[in-house]
Amino acid sequence: MSWQKVLSTLASPGLREAYARAVLGQELDADPRARRKLTEAGLLLPEGRVDGGVFSELLAASARPRPEGVDRFFRNGMLDGLPAGHVDRQSVLEHLADRLFPADRELDEPTVNLLIATVTRDIPTLRRALVDYGYLERNADGTGYRRAARSED
């Protein structure tokens, strides 16, 4: 069963009317060909009763899988905003630090900003959060950044 088959079947005024009668519990006086088309589309069960779950099944089959983990906080590759929860925020920041910044290499602020711009428009907020949460280290004189070394747990 596919939503295209259901819609193409219901696009026919005669079939739509026959289906409406079946839904309303009226006599299904459709010719055998119309009855067969409604059944093949999944709108009617073989005995001629309405399949009450057809639309729920179609919606469930076409639903996109829900993102999990840090992917929940990204839309089209861009960060939707920093999560409010501490654990989620740390997970997202760790993911971004690992993804954006090379290990053992110092970067100047314009380069850091360019890298951060690939995932958000709010560059200062994300840069500050990465530093505040210890994922980026900033030189005391502000001339460079480096991904923080973390101990493996």
N, C-alpha and C. Protein backbone atom coordinates (compact mmCIF):
# COMPACT_ATOMS: atom_id res chain seq x y z
N MET A 1 0.86 -1.18 0.00
CA MET A 1 0.00 0.00 0.00
C MET A 1 0.90 1.23 0.00
N SER A 2 0.53 2.19 -0.82
CA SER A 2 1.29 3.43 -0.88
C SER A 2 0.33 4.62 -0.88
N TRP A 3 0.82 5.75 -0.39
CA TRP A 3 -0.02 6.94 -0.36
C TRP A 3 -0.35 7.38 -1.78
N GLN A 4 0.58 7.13 -2.74
CA GLN A 4 0.30 7.51 -4.12
C GLN A 4 -0.88 6.71 -4.67
N LYS A 5 -0.93 5.42 -4.35
CA LYS A 5 -2.02 4.56 -4.82
C LYS A 5 -3.35 5.01 -4.21
N VAL A 6 -3.32 5.33 -2.92
CA VAL A 6 -4.55 5.79 -2.25
C VAL A 6 -5.03 7.09 -2.87
N LEU A 7 -4.13 8.05 -3.05
CA LEU A 7 -4.54 9.34 -3.61
C LEU A 7 -4.99 9.23 -5.05
N SER A 8 -4.30 8.41 -5.84
CA SER A 8 -4.72 8.28 -7.24
C SER A 8 -6.08 7.60 -7.33
N THR A 9 -6.36 6.70 -6.42
CA THR A 9 -7.68 6.05 -6.40
C THR A 9 -8.75 7.05 -6.00
N LEU A 10 -8.48 7.83 -4.96
CA LEU A 10 -9.47 8.81 -4.50
C LEU A 10 -9.58 10.02 -5.42
N ALA A 11 -8.68 10.16 -6.38
CA ALA A 11 -8.78 11.25 -7.36
C ALA A 11 -9.94 11.03 -8.31
N SER A 12 -10.38 9.80 -8.46
CA SER A 12 -11.52 9.49 -9.32
C SER A 12 -12.81 9.82 -8.59
N PRO A 13 -13.64 10.72 -9.13
CA PRO A 13 -14.89 11.08 -8.45
C PRO A 13 -15.78 9.88 -8.13
N GLY A 14 -15.88 8.94 -9.05
CA GLY A 14 -16.73 7.76 -8.82
C GLY A 14 -16.21 6.90 -7.69
N LEU A 15 -14.90 6.68 -7.66
CA LEU A 15 -14.30 5.87 -6.59
C LEU A 15 -14.36 6.59 -5.26
N ARG A 16 -14.16 7.90 -5.29
CA ARG A 16 -14.25 8.69 -4.06
C ARG A 16 -15.67 8.62 -3.49
N GLU A 17 -16.66 8.70 -4.35
CA GLU A 17 -18.05 8.62 -3.90
C GLU A 17 -18.36 7.23 -3.33
N ALA A 18 -17.89 6.18 -4.01
CA ALA A 18 -18.11 4.82 -3.50
C ALA A 18 -17.43 4.64 -2.14
N TYR A 19 -16.23 5.17 -2.01
CA TYR A 19 -15.52 5.06 -0.73
C TYR A 19 -16.26 5.84 0.35
N ALA A 20 -16.76 7.02 0.02
CA ALA A 20 -17.51 7.82 0.99
C ALA A 20 -18.73 7.06 1.48
N ARG A 21 -19.42 6.39 0.57
CA ARG A 21 -20.59 5.59 0.98
C ARG A 21 -20.16 4.48 1.93
N ALA A 22 -19.04 3.84 1.63
CA ALA A 22 -18.57 2.75 2.49
C ALA A 22 -18.20 3.29 3.87
N VAL A 23 -17.55 4.44 3.90
CA VAL A 23 -17.16 5.06 5.18
C VAL A 23 -18.40 5.39 6.01
N LEU A 24 -19.44 5.85 5.36
CA LEU A 24 -20.68 6.22 6.05
C LEU A 24 -21.55 5.02 6.39
N GLY A 25 -21.08 3.84 6.03
CA GLY A 25 -21.82 2.62 6.35
C GLY A 25 -23.00 2.37 5.43
N GLN A 26 -23.04 3.04 4.32
CA GLN A 26 -24.13 2.85 3.35
C GLN A 26 -23.82 1.66 2.45
N GLU A 27 -24.84 1.25 1.72
CA GLU A 27 -24.71 0.13 0.79
C GLU A 27 -23.63 0.46 -0.24
N LEU A 28 -22.69 -0.44 -0.40
CA LEU A 28 -21.63 -0.25 -1.39
C LEU A 28 -22.10 -0.88 -2.69
N ASP A 29 -22.75 -0.07 -3.52
CA ASP A 29 -23.30 -0.58 -4.77
C ASP A 29 -22.36 -0.33 -5.94
N ALA A 30 -21.06 -0.30 -5.65
CA ALA A 30 -20.07 -0.07 -6.69
C ALA A 30 -19.93 -1.31 -7.55
N ASP A 31 -19.58 -1.11 -8.81
CA ASP A 31 -19.37 -2.26 -9.70
C ASP A 31 -18.12 -3.01 -9.25
N PRO A 32 -17.96 -4.25 -9.66
CA PRO A 32 -16.82 -5.07 -9.20
C PRO A 32 -15.46 -4.43 -9.50
N ARG A 33 -15.35 -3.73 -10.61
CA ARG A 33 -14.10 -3.08 -10.96
C ARG A 33 -13.75 -1.98 -9.95
N ALA A 34 -14.73 -1.17 -9.60
CA ALA A 34 -14.51 -0.10 -8.63
C ALA A 34 -14.17 -0.68 -7.26
N ARG A 35 -14.87 -1.73 -6.87
CA ARG A 35 -14.62 -2.40 -5.59
C ARG A 35 -13.19 -2.94 -5.55
N ARG A 36 -12.76 -3.54 -6.67
CA ARG A 36 -11.41 -4.10 -6.76
C ARG A 36 -10.36 -2.99 -6.62
N LYS A 37 -10.59 -1.85 -7.28
CA LYS A 37 -9.63 -0.75 -7.20
C LYS A 37 -9.53 -0.21 -5.78
N LEU A 38 -10.65 -0.08 -5.08
CA LEU A 38 -10.64 0.38 -3.70
C LEU A 38 -9.92 -0.61 -2.78
N THR A 39 -10.10 -1.89 -3.07
CA THR A 39 -9.44 -2.93 -2.28
C THR A 39 -7.94 -2.94 -2.57
N GLU A 40 -7.56 -2.84 -3.84
CA GLU A 40 -6.14 -2.83 -4.21
C GLU A 40 -5.41 -1.62 -3.63
N ALA A 41 -6.13 -0.52 -3.50
CA ALA A 41 -5.52 0.68 -2.92
C ALA A 41 -5.38 0.56 -1.41
N GLY A 42 -6.05 -0.42 -0.80
CA GLY A 42 -5.97 -0.60 0.65
C GLY A 42 -7.05 0.15 1.40
N LEU A 43 -8.00 0.74 0.66
CA LEU A 43 -9.07 1.50 1.31
C LEU A 43 -10.17 0.59 1.83
N LEU A 44 -10.39 -0.52 1.16
CA LEU A 44 -11.38 -1.51 1.59
C LEU A 44 -10.69 -2.83 1.87
N LEU A 45 -11.22 -3.56 2.84
CA LEU A 45 -10.77 -4.91 3.11
C LEU A 45 -11.42 -5.83 2.07
N PRO A 46 -10.89 -7.03 1.86
CA PRO A 46 -11.45 -7.92 0.83
C PRO A 46 -12.96 -8.17 0.96
N GLU A 47 -13.47 -8.17 2.18
CA GLU A 47 -14.92 -8.41 2.36
C GLU A 47 -15.75 -7.15 2.11
N GLY A 48 -15.10 -6.03 1.78
CA GLY A 48 -15.83 -4.81 1.43
C GLY A 48 -15.96 -3.80 2.55
N ARG A 49 -15.45 -4.13 3.75
CA ARG A 49 -15.50 -3.17 4.85
C ARG A 49 -14.36 -2.17 4.70
N VAL A 50 -14.55 -1.00 5.30
CA VAL A 50 -13.54 0.05 5.27
C VAL A 50 -12.37 -0.35 6.17
N ASP A 51 -11.16 -0.18 5.67
CA ASP A 51 -9.97 -0.41 6.49
C ASP A 51 -9.72 0.86 7.28
N GLY A 52 -10.13 0.87 8.54
CA GLY A 52 -10.05 2.06 9.38
C GLY A 52 -8.63 2.51 9.71
N GLY A 53 -7.65 1.65 9.53
CA GLY A 53 -6.29 2.02 9.89
C GLY A 53 -5.42 2.42 8.72
N VAL A 54 -6.00 2.49 7.53
CA VAL A 54 -5.19 2.74 6.33
C VAL A 54 -4.44 4.07 6.41
N PHE A 55 -5.08 5.12 6.88
CA PHE A 55 -4.41 6.43 6.89
C PHE A 55 -3.35 6.50 7.98
N SER A 56 -3.60 5.89 9.12
CA SER A 56 -2.58 5.83 10.18
C SER A 56 -1.36 5.06 9.70
N GLU A 57 -1.59 3.96 9.00
CA GLU A 57 -0.47 3.16 8.47
C GLU A 57 0.33 3.94 7.45
N LEU A 58 -0.36 4.66 6.58
CA LEU A 58 0.34 5.45 5.57
C LEU A 58 1.18 6.55 6.21
N LEU A 59 0.62 7.22 7.20
CA LEU A 59 1.36 8.28 7.89
C LEU A 59 2.58 7.71 8.61
N ALA A 60 2.40 6.58 9.28
CA ALA A 60 3.51 5.97 10.00
C ALA A 60 4.61 5.53 9.04
N ALA A 61 4.21 5.00 7.89
CA ALA A 61 5.20 4.52 6.92
C ALA A 61 6.00 5.66 6.30
N SER A 62 5.40 6.82 6.21
CA SER A 62 6.10 7.93 5.56
C SER A 62 6.78 8.87 6.56
N ALA A 63 6.65 8.58 7.85
CA ALA A 63 7.26 9.45 8.87
C ALA A 63 8.78 9.35 8.81
N ARG A 64 9.42 10.48 8.95
CA ARG A 64 10.88 10.50 8.99
C ARG A 64 11.33 10.02 10.36
N PRO A 65 12.43 9.30 10.38
CA PRO A 65 12.93 8.88 11.69
C PRO A 65 13.38 10.11 12.50
N ARG A 66 13.11 10.05 13.77
CA ARG A 66 13.49 11.17 14.65
C ARG A 66 14.98 11.09 14.93
N PRO A 67 15.67 12.21 14.81
CA PRO A 67 17.11 12.20 15.10
C PRO A 67 17.35 11.84 16.57
N GLU A 68 18.49 11.23 16.80
CA GLU A 68 18.86 10.83 18.15
C GLU A 68 20.20 11.46 18.51
N GLY A 69 20.53 11.42 19.78
CA GLY A 69 21.81 11.94 20.25
C GLY A 69 21.97 13.41 19.92
N VAL A 70 23.18 13.83 19.60
CA VAL A 70 23.43 15.24 19.32
C VAL A 70 22.74 15.69 18.03
N ASP A 71 22.41 14.75 17.15
CA ASP A 71 21.71 15.11 15.91
C ASP A 71 20.38 15.79 16.17
N ARG A 72 19.79 15.57 17.35
CA ARG A 72 18.52 16.22 17.70
C ARG A 72 18.62 17.74 17.70
N PHE A 73 19.83 18.27 17.85
CA PHE A 73 20.01 19.70 18.00
C PHE A 73 20.48 20.39 16.72
N PHE A 74 20.46 19.65 15.61
CA PHE A 74 20.88 20.20 14.33
C PHE A 74 19.75 20.12 13.32
N ARG A 75 19.65 21.14 12.48
CA ARG A 75 18.69 21.16 11.37
C ARG A 75 19.49 21.53 10.13
N ASN A 76 19.46 20.65 9.15
CA ASN A 76 20.19 20.89 7.89
C ASN A 76 21.65 21.22 8.15
N GLY A 77 22.25 20.53 9.11
CA GLY A 77 23.65 20.70 9.40
C GLY A 77 24.01 21.88 10.29
N MET A 78 23.01 22.68 10.63
CA MET A 78 23.26 23.86 11.46
C MET A 78 22.72 23.62 12.87
N LEU A 79 23.44 24.14 13.84
CA LEU A 79 23.03 24.02 15.24
C LEU A 79 21.76 24.84 15.45
N ASP A 80 20.75 24.19 15.99
CA ASP A 80 19.45 24.83 16.22
C ASP A 80 19.49 25.75 17.44
N GLY A 81 20.50 25.65 18.22
CA GLY A 81 20.64 26.41 19.46
C GLY A 81 21.27 25.49 20.49
N LEU A 82 21.94 26.08 21.46
CA LEU A 82 22.55 25.24 22.49
C LEU A 82 21.46 24.65 23.38
N PRO A 83 21.56 23.37 23.66
CA PRO A 83 20.56 22.73 24.53
C PRO A 83 20.57 23.35 25.92
N ALA A 84 19.42 23.37 26.55
CA ALA A 84 19.30 23.93 27.90
C ALA A 84 19.89 22.98 28.94
N GLY A 85 19.71 21.69 28.75
CA GLY A 85 20.20 20.72 29.72
C GLY A 85 21.71 20.61 29.71
N HIS A 86 22.29 20.53 30.89
CA HIS A 86 23.74 20.50 31.04
C HIS A 86 24.38 19.32 30.29
N VAL A 87 23.83 18.13 30.44
CA VAL A 87 24.42 16.94 29.81
C VAL A 87 24.33 17.06 28.29
N ASP A 88 23.16 17.47 27.77
CA ASP A 88 23.00 17.63 26.33
C ASP A 88 23.93 18.72 25.80
N ARG A 89 24.05 19.81 26.55
CA ARG A 89 24.92 20.91 26.13
C ARG A 89 26.37 20.43 26.04
N GLN A 90 26.81 19.70 27.05
CA GLN A 90 28.18 19.18 27.03
C GLN A 90 28.38 18.23 25.85
N SER A 91 27.41 17.39 25.57
CA SER A 91 27.52 16.45 24.45
C SER A 91 27.65 17.18 23.12
N VAL A 92 26.84 18.21 22.93
CA VAL A 92 26.88 18.99 21.69
C VAL A 92 28.22 19.72 21.58
N LEU A 93 28.67 20.34 22.65
CA LEU A 93 29.93 21.07 22.61
C LEU A 93 31.12 20.14 22.36
N GLU A 94 31.11 18.97 22.98
CA GLU A 94 32.18 18.00 22.74
C GLU A 94 32.16 17.55 21.28
N HIS A 95 30.98 17.27 20.76
CA HIS A 95 30.83 16.87 19.36
C HIS A 95 31.39 17.95 18.43
N LEU A 96 31.03 19.20 18.69
CA LEU A 96 31.49 20.29 17.84
C LEU A 96 33.00 20.51 17.94
N ALA A 97 33.54 20.41 19.15
CA ALA A 97 34.98 20.58 19.32
C ALA A 97 35.73 19.52 18.52
N ASP A 98 35.27 18.28 18.62
CA ASP A 98 35.92 17.19 17.89
C ASP A 98 35.75 17.35 16.38
N ARG A 99 34.59 17.81 15.98
CA ARG A 99 34.27 17.93 14.55
C ARG A 99 34.95 19.12 13.90
N LEU A 100 35.04 20.23 14.60
CA LEU A 100 35.49 21.48 13.98
C LEU A 100 36.97 21.79 14.14
N PHE A 101 37.57 21.38 15.26
CA PHE A 101 38.90 21.87 15.58
C PHE A 101 39.92 20.74 15.57
N PRO A 102 40.99 20.92 14.82
CA PRO A 102 42.03 19.88 14.79
C PRO A 102 42.73 19.79 16.14
N ALA A 103 43.13 18.60 16.49
CA ALA A 103 43.87 18.41 17.75
C ALA A 103 45.29 18.93 17.56
N ASP A 104 45.89 19.42 18.62
CA ASP A 104 47.30 19.83 18.64
C ASP A 104 47.65 20.89 17.59
N ARG A 105 46.72 21.81 17.38
CA ARG A 105 47.02 22.90 16.44
C ARG A 105 46.40 24.18 16.96
N GLU A 106 47.19 25.23 17.02
CA GLU A 106 46.66 26.51 17.47
C GLU A 106 46.05 27.24 16.27
N LEU A 107 44.89 27.86 16.52
CA LEU A 107 44.19 28.61 15.47
C LEU A 107 43.96 30.03 15.94
N ASP A 108 44.04 30.98 15.02
CA ASP A 108 43.73 32.36 15.39
C ASP A 108 42.22 32.54 15.44
N GLU A 109 41.78 33.63 16.04
CA GLU A 109 40.35 33.85 16.24
C GLU A 109 39.56 33.92 14.93
N PRO A 110 40.05 34.57 13.88
CA PRO A 110 39.29 34.57 12.63
C PRO A 110 39.07 33.16 12.07
N THR A 111 40.06 32.29 12.21
CA THR A 111 39.90 30.90 11.74
C THR A 111 38.88 30.16 12.59
N VAL A 112 38.97 30.35 13.90
CA VAL A 112 37.99 29.73 14.81
C VAL A 112 36.59 30.20 14.43
N ASN A 113 36.44 31.50 14.18
CA ASN A 113 35.13 32.05 13.81
C ASN A 113 34.62 31.45 12.51
N LEU A 114 35.50 31.28 11.53
CA LEU A 114 35.10 30.66 10.25
C LEU A 114 34.62 29.23 10.46
N LEU A 115 35.31 28.49 11.29
CA LEU A 115 34.91 27.11 11.56
C LEU A 115 33.56 27.06 12.29
N ILE A 116 33.39 27.91 13.27
CA ILE A 116 32.13 27.95 14.01
C ILE A 116 30.98 28.40 13.10
N ALA A 117 31.27 29.28 12.15
CA ALA A 117 30.23 29.77 11.23
C ALA A 117 29.66 28.67 10.35
N THR A 118 30.34 27.53 10.26
CA THR A 118 29.81 26.43 9.46
C THR A 118 28.64 25.74 10.14
N VAL A 119 28.43 26.03 11.45
CA VAL A 119 27.34 25.37 12.17
C VAL A 119 26.37 26.33 12.86
N THR A 120 26.69 27.63 12.92
CA THR A 120 25.79 28.58 13.58
C THR A 120 26.05 30.00 13.09
N ARG A 121 25.05 30.83 13.25
CA ARG A 121 25.22 32.26 12.99
C ARG A 121 25.68 32.99 14.25
N ASP A 122 25.41 32.39 15.40
CA ASP A 122 25.76 33.02 16.67
C ASP A 122 27.16 32.60 17.09
N ILE A 123 28.13 33.10 16.38
CA ILE A 123 29.53 32.71 16.58
C ILE A 123 30.04 33.04 17.98
N PRO A 124 29.83 34.26 18.50
CA PRO A 124 30.38 34.57 19.83
C PRO A 124 29.83 33.67 20.94
N THR A 125 28.55 33.37 20.89
CA THR A 125 27.96 32.55 21.94
C THR A 125 28.53 31.14 21.93
N LEU A 126 28.66 30.56 20.75
CA LEU A 126 29.20 29.20 20.68
C LEU A 126 30.69 29.19 21.03
N ARG A 127 31.44 30.15 20.57
CA ARG A 127 32.87 30.23 20.91
C ARG A 127 33.04 30.35 22.43
N ARG A 128 32.25 31.22 23.03
CA ARG A 128 32.33 31.42 24.49
C ARG A 128 31.95 30.13 25.23
N ALA A 129 30.91 29.45 24.78
CA ALA A 129 30.49 28.21 25.44
C ALA A 129 31.58 27.14 25.32
N LEU A 130 32.20 27.04 24.15
CA LEU A 130 33.28 26.07 23.98
C LEU A 130 34.44 26.34 24.93
N VAL A 131 34.74 27.61 25.15
CA VAL A 131 35.81 27.97 26.10
C VAL A 131 35.34 27.75 27.52
N ASP A 132 34.16 28.25 27.87
CA ASP A 132 33.65 28.13 29.24
C ASP A 132 33.51 26.68 29.69
N TYR A 133 33.13 25.81 28.79
CA TYR A 133 32.96 24.40 29.16
C TYR A 133 34.24 23.59 29.01
N GLY A 134 35.33 24.26 28.62
CA GLY A 134 36.63 23.60 28.60
C GLY A 134 36.93 22.79 27.36
N TYR A 135 36.23 23.02 26.27
CA TYR A 135 36.50 22.28 25.04
C TYR A 135 37.49 23.02 24.14
N LEU A 136 37.59 24.31 24.31
CA LEU A 136 38.60 25.13 23.64
C LEU A 136 39.36 25.90 24.70
N GLU A 137 40.66 26.00 24.51
CA GLU A 137 41.48 26.81 25.41
C GLU A 137 41.89 28.06 24.65
N ARG A 138 41.81 29.18 25.33
CA ARG A 138 42.16 30.46 24.72
C ARG A 138 43.47 30.95 25.33
N ASN A 139 44.37 31.40 24.49
CA ASN A 139 45.62 31.97 25.01
C ASN A 139 45.28 33.15 25.91
N ALA A 140 46.11 33.36 26.91
CA ALA A 140 45.89 34.46 27.86
C ALA A 140 45.84 35.81 27.15
N ASP A 141 46.62 35.96 26.10
CA ASP A 141 46.63 37.23 25.39
C ASP A 141 45.55 37.31 24.30
N GLY A 142 44.75 36.23 24.16
CA GLY A 142 43.63 36.23 23.22
C GLY A 142 44.04 36.04 21.76
N THR A 143 45.30 35.69 21.51
CA THR A 143 45.76 35.59 20.12
C THR A 143 45.45 34.26 19.47
N GLY A 144 45.11 33.25 20.24
CA GLY A 144 44.88 31.95 19.62
C GLY A 144 44.04 31.03 20.47
N TYR A 145 43.55 29.98 19.82
CA TYR A 145 42.73 28.96 20.47
C TYR A 145 43.29 27.60 20.11
N ARG A 146 43.04 26.66 20.98
CA ARG A 146 43.47 25.29 20.76
C ARG A 146 42.41 24.37 21.37
N ARG A 147 42.15 23.26 20.68
CA ARG A 147 41.22 22.29 21.26
C ARG A 147 41.84 21.74 22.53
N ALA A 148 41.07 21.73 23.59
CA ALA A 148 41.57 21.30 24.90
C ALA A 148 41.86 19.81 24.88
N ALA A 149 42.96 19.44 25.52
CA ALA A 149 43.29 18.04 25.68
C ALA A 149 42.38 17.47 26.77
N ARG A 150 41.80 16.34 26.47
CA ARG A 150 40.90 15.71 27.47
C ARG A 150 41.43 14.33 27.77
N SER A 151 41.30 13.96 29.03
CA SER A 151 41.70 12.60 29.40
C SER A 151 40.61 11.64 28.96
N GLU A 152 41.03 10.49 28.46
CA GLU A 152 40.07 9.46 28.03
C GLU A 152 39.56 8.73 29.25
N ASP A 153 38.25 8.68 29.40
CA ASP A 153 37.67 8.00 30.57
C ASP A 153 37.59 6.53 30.35
